[in-house]
């Protein structure tokens, strides 16, 4: 998202834009951003500074950390950053600010549900779908009974 610095006033400038997640290189092995990121930004000029307040809404598909099932999530992020007016050119590009906010605040461990049982360490069966019949599972059951 680029904004012409000359259009930013003391009263502020509000912009709403959709940014393709692919343009920010956010997708990963177990994370896919679906649709565009919705970015709402307010820019205000105060003396020799420009303050940008940004709110980001993103819909993503991420793998559960325990069972690897894809989970859809809507994520919301907020950021505020101050820029020195004399260091800016004609345009202020906040794409780096948006990318940084998402990467620094993304959950490291995502679960499909709080009670997710994960995968059997022996046969790999998703234990949320029922018990497995592998030998390791039967050994654990004998020890706990």
C-alpha atoms as a PDB file:
ATOM      1  CA  UNK A   1       0.000   0.000   0.000  1.00  0.00           C
ATOM      2  CA  UNK A   2       1.508   3.296  -1.099  1.00  0.00           C
ATOM      3  CA  UNK A   3       0.303   6.734  -0.137  1.00  0.00           C
ATOM      4  CA  UNK A   4       1.407  10.090  -1.513  1.00  0.00           C
ATOM      5  CA  UNK A   5       3.069  11.923   1.376  1.00  0.00           C
ATOM      6  CA  UNK A   6       1.711  15.256   0.094  1.00  0.00           C
ATOM      7  CA  UNK A   7      -1.879  14.030   0.651  1.00  0.00           C
ATOM      8  CA  UNK A   8      -1.291  13.356   4.357  1.00  0.00           C
ATOM      9  CA  UNK A   9      -2.530  16.245   6.491  1.00  0.00           C
ATOM     10  CA  UNK A  10      -2.834  17.036  10.182  1.00  0.00           C
ATOM     11  CA  UNK A  11      -6.510  16.005   9.962  1.00  0.00           C
ATOM     12  CA  UNK A  12      -5.399  12.623   8.675  1.00  0.00           C
ATOM     13  CA  UNK A  13      -5.881  10.463   5.613  1.00  0.00           C
ATOM     14  CA  UNK A  14      -7.783   7.178   5.714  1.00  0.00           C
ATOM     15  CA  UNK A  15      -7.248   4.420   3.139  1.00  0.00           C
ATOM     16  CA  UNK A  16      -8.821   0.987   2.781  1.00  0.00           C
ATOM     17  CA  UNK A  17      -7.163  -1.438   0.420  1.00  0.00           C
ATOM     18  CA  UNK A  18      -6.904  -5.126  -0.331  1.00  0.00           C
ATOM     19  CA  UNK A  19      -3.368  -6.432  -0.747  1.00  0.00           C
ATOM     20  CA  UNK A  20      -2.667  -9.859  -2.270  1.00  0.00           C
ATOM     21  CA  UNK A  21      -0.875 -11.938   0.370  1.00  0.00           C
ATOM     22  CA  UNK A  22       1.330 -13.414  -2.346  1.00  0.00           C
ATOM     23  CA  UNK A  23       2.828  -9.962  -2.970  1.00  0.00           C
ATOM     24  CA  UNK A  24       4.164  -9.999   0.615  1.00  0.00           C
ATOM     25  CA  UNK A  25       5.567 -13.578   0.423  1.00  0.00           C
ATOM     26  CA  UNK A  26       3.597 -14.732   3.474  1.00  0.00           C
ATOM     27  CA  UNK A  27       2.620 -18.271   2.431  1.00  0.00           C
ATOM     28  CA  UNK A  28       4.661 -21.096   3.867  1.00  0.00           C
ATOM     29  CA  UNK A  29       4.785 -24.881   4.044  1.00  0.00           C
ATOM     30  CA  UNK A  30       1.872 -25.201   6.464  1.00  0.00           C
ATOM     31  CA  UNK A  31       0.314 -21.756   6.032  1.00  0.00           C
ATOM     32  CA  UNK A  32      -1.717 -20.362   3.143  1.00  0.00           C
ATOM     33  CA  UNK A  33      -3.381 -16.982   3.055  1.00  0.00           C
ATOM     34  CA  UNK A  34      -6.738 -17.182   1.335  1.00  0.00           C
ATOM     35  CA  UNK A  35      -7.995 -14.134  -0.521  1.00  0.00           C
ATOM     36  CA  UNK A  36      -6.439 -10.703  -0.039  1.00  0.00           C
ATOM     37  CA  UNK A  37      -5.403  -9.009   3.177  1.00  0.00           C
ATOM     38  CA  UNK A  38      -7.809  -6.232   4.112  1.00  0.00           C
ATOM     39  CA  UNK A  39      -5.773  -3.230   5.237  1.00  0.00           C
ATOM     40  CA  UNK A  40      -7.313  -0.163   6.866  1.00  0.00           C
ATOM     41  CA  UNK A  41      -4.794   2.612   7.469  1.00  0.00           C
ATOM     42  CA  UNK A  42      -4.944   6.099   8.941  1.00  0.00           C
ATOM     43  CA  UNK A  43      -2.032   8.457   8.293  1.00  0.00           C
ATOM     44  CA  UNK A  44      -1.546  11.645  10.300  1.00  0.00           C
ATOM     45  CA  UNK A  45       1.097  14.330   9.935  1.00  0.00           C
ATOM     46  CA  UNK A  46       2.294  15.788  13.230  1.00  0.00           C
ATOM     47  CA  UNK A  47       5.117  18.332  12.993  1.00  0.00           C
ATOM     48  CA  UNK A  48       7.989  16.498  11.269  1.00  0.00           C
ATOM     49  CA  UNK A  49       6.518  13.014  11.563  1.00  0.00           C
ATOM     50  CA  UNK A  50       3.947  10.836   9.861  1.00  0.00           C
ATOM     51  CA  UNK A  51       2.118   8.363  12.071  1.00  0.00           C
ATOM     52  CA  UNK A  52       0.502   5.352  10.452  1.00  0.00           C
ATOM     53  CA  UNK A  53      -2.079   3.283  12.297  1.00  0.00           C
ATOM     54  CA  UNK A  54      -2.818   0.068  10.459  1.00  0.00           C
ATOM     55  CA  UNK A  55      -5.425  -2.654  11.022  1.00  0.00           C
ATOM     56  CA  UNK A  56      -5.092  -5.864   9.045  1.00  0.00           C
ATOM     57  CA  UNK A  57      -7.649  -8.633   8.602  1.00  0.00           C
ATOM     58  CA  UNK A  58      -6.493 -11.894   7.039  1.00  0.00           C
ATOM     59  CA  UNK A  59      -8.105 -15.265   6.385  1.00  0.00           C
ATOM     60  CA  UNK A  60      -5.640 -18.135   6.371  1.00  0.00           C
ATOM     61  CA  UNK A  61      -5.485 -21.908   6.273  1.00  0.00           C
ATOM     62  CA  UNK A  62      -2.935 -23.375   8.665  1.00  0.00           C
ATOM     63  CA  UNK A  63      -2.113 -26.908   9.751  1.00  0.00           C
ATOM     64  CA  UNK A  64      -2.960 -27.912  13.309  1.00  0.00           C
ATOM     65  CA  UNK A  65       0.259 -28.335  15.303  1.00  0.00           C
ATOM     66  CA  UNK A  66      -0.869 -31.687  16.720  1.00  0.00           C
ATOM     67  CA  UNK A  67      -2.900 -33.496  14.044  1.00  0.00           C
ATOM     68  CA  UNK A  68      -1.946 -31.598  10.838  1.00  0.00           C
ATOM     69  CA  UNK A  69      -5.582 -31.014   9.801  1.00  0.00           C
ATOM     70  CA  UNK A  70      -6.055 -27.714   7.973  1.00  0.00           C
ATOM     71  CA  UNK A  71      -7.800 -25.082  10.054  1.00  0.00           C
ATOM     72  CA  UNK A  72      -9.339 -21.884   8.687  1.00  0.00           C
ATOM     73  CA  UNK A  73      -8.758 -18.793  10.804  1.00  0.00           C
ATOM     74  CA  UNK A  74      -9.506 -15.105  10.578  1.00  0.00           C
ATOM     75  CA  UNK A  75      -6.638 -13.136  12.069  1.00  0.00           C
ATOM     76  CA  UNK A  76      -6.671  -9.464  13.024  1.00  0.00           C
ATOM     77  CA  UNK A  77      -3.556  -7.408  13.593  1.00  0.00           C
ATOM     78  CA  UNK A  78      -2.935  -3.820  14.583  1.00  0.00           C
ATOM     79  CA  UNK A  79       0.168  -1.715  14.237  1.00  0.00           C
ATOM     80  CA  UNK A  80       1.325   1.848  14.701  1.00  0.00           C
ATOM     81  CA  UNK A  81       4.558   3.228  13.325  1.00  0.00           C
ATOM     82  CA  UNK A  82       6.135   6.658  13.153  1.00  0.00           C
ATOM     83  CA  UNK A  83       8.101   7.842  10.119  1.00  0.00           C
ATOM     84  CA  UNK A  84      10.379  10.890   9.930  1.00  0.00           C
ATOM     85  CA  UNK A  85       9.010  13.215   7.258  1.00  0.00           C
ATOM     86  CA  UNK A  86      12.469  14.322   6.085  1.00  0.00           C
ATOM     87  CA  UNK A  87      13.441  10.676   5.414  1.00  0.00           C
ATOM     88  CA  UNK A  88      10.421   9.963   3.228  1.00  0.00           C
ATOM     89  CA  UNK A  89      10.307  10.585  -0.482  1.00  0.00           C
ATOM     90  CA  UNK A  90       7.135  11.374  -2.367  1.00  0.00           C
ATOM     91  CA  UNK A  91       5.458   8.118  -1.331  1.00  0.00           C
ATOM     92  CA  UNK A  92       5.176   6.117   1.869  1.00  0.00           C
ATOM     93  CA  UNK A  93       4.995   2.357   1.271  1.00  0.00           C
ATOM     94  CA  UNK A  94       3.679   0.440   4.307  1.00  0.00           C
ATOM     95  CA  UNK A  95       3.874  -3.072   2.832  1.00  0.00           C
ATOM     96  CA  UNK A  96       6.913  -3.840   5.019  1.00  0.00           C
ATOM     97  CA  UNK A  97       5.012  -2.630   8.089  1.00  0.00           C
ATOM     98  CA  UNK A  98       2.074  -4.915   7.213  1.00  0.00           C
ATOM     99  CA  UNK A  99       4.320  -7.940   6.549  1.00  0.00           C
ATOM    100  CA  UNK A 100       6.315  -7.376   9.735  1.00  0.00           C
ATOM    101  CA  UNK A 101       3.165  -7.118  11.863  1.00  0.00           C
ATOM    102  CA  UNK A 102       1.807 -10.414  10.553  1.00  0.00           C
ATOM    103  CA  UNK A 103       5.071 -12.343  10.869  1.00  0.00           C
ATOM    104  CA  UNK A 104       5.932 -11.073  14.349  1.00  0.00           C
ATOM    105  CA  UNK A 105       2.484 -11.730  15.806  1.00  0.00           C
ATOM    106  CA  UNK A 106       1.436 -14.962  14.135  1.00  0.00           C
ATOM    107  CA  UNK A 107       0.643 -17.846  16.514  1.00  0.00           C
ATOM    108  CA  UNK A 108       3.434 -20.384  16.639  1.00  0.00           C
ATOM    109  CA  UNK A 109       1.149 -23.187  17.789  1.00  0.00           C
ATOM    110  CA  UNK A 110      -2.295 -23.439  16.215  1.00  0.00           C
ATOM    111  CA  UNK A 111      -4.740 -26.152  17.277  1.00  0.00           C
ATOM    112  CA  UNK A 112      -7.870 -27.327  15.466  1.00  0.00           C
ATOM    113  CA  UNK A 113      -9.551 -27.530  18.899  1.00  0.00           C
ATOM    114  CA  UNK A 114      -8.343 -27.169  22.509  1.00  0.00           C
ATOM    115  CA  UNK A 115      -8.776 -30.916  23.084  1.00  0.00           C
ATOM    116  CA  UNK A 116      -6.939 -32.085  19.961  1.00  0.00           C
ATOM    117  CA  UNK A 117      -5.471 -35.571  20.556  1.00  0.00           C
ATOM    118  CA  UNK A 118      -2.862 -35.341  17.804  1.00  0.00           C
ATOM    119  CA  UNK A 119      -1.401 -38.255  15.873  1.00  0.00           C
ATOM    120  CA  UNK A 120      -0.372 -41.684  17.108  1.00  0.00           C
ATOM    121  CA  UNK A 121       3.413 -41.619  17.395  1.00  0.00           C
ATOM    122  CA  UNK A 122       3.627 -45.151  16.059  1.00  0.00           C
ATOM    123  CA  UNK A 123       1.184 -45.470  13.155  1.00  0.00           C
ATOM    124  CA  UNK A 124       0.310 -41.805  12.507  1.00  0.00           C
ATOM    125  CA  UNK A 125      -3.467 -42.199  12.846  1.00  0.00           C
ATOM    126  CA  UNK A 126      -5.358 -39.047  13.752  1.00  0.00           C
ATOM    127  CA  UNK A 127      -6.530 -39.830  17.306  1.00  0.00           C
ATOM    128  CA  UNK A 128      -9.381 -37.318  17.023  1.00  0.00           C
ATOM    129  CA  UNK A 129     -11.042 -39.819  14.672  1.00  0.00           C
ATOM    130  CA  UNK A 130     -10.791 -42.714  17.141  1.00  0.00           C
ATOM    131  CA  UNK A 131      -8.224 -45.016  18.701  1.00  0.00           C
ATOM    132  CA  UNK A 132      -5.703 -46.795  16.540  1.00  0.00           C
ATOM    133  CA  UNK A 133      -5.003 -50.525  16.597  1.00  0.00           C
ATOM    134  CA  UNK A 134      -1.228 -50.441  16.322  1.00  0.00           C
ATOM    135  CA  UNK A 135       0.964 -52.433  18.732  1.00  0.00           C
ATOM    136  CA  UNK A 136       2.347 -49.329  20.503  1.00  0.00           C
ATOM    137  CA  UNK A 137      -1.176 -48.104  21.285  1.00  0.00           C
ATOM    138  CA  UNK A 138      -2.097 -51.503  22.755  1.00  0.00           C
ATOM    139  CA  UNK A 139       1.056 -51.497  24.908  1.00  0.00           C
ATOM    140  CA  UNK A 140       0.178 -48.070  26.319  1.00  0.00           C
ATOM    141  CA  UNK A 141      -3.383 -49.257  27.069  1.00  0.00           C
ATOM    142  CA  UNK A 142      -2.028 -52.314  28.987  1.00  0.00           C
ATOM    143  CA  UNK A 143       0.268 -50.101  31.075  1.00  0.00           C
ATOM    144  CA  UNK A 144      -2.489 -47.647  31.990  1.00  0.00           C
ATOM    145  CA  UNK A 145      -5.074 -50.338  32.897  1.00  0.00           C
END
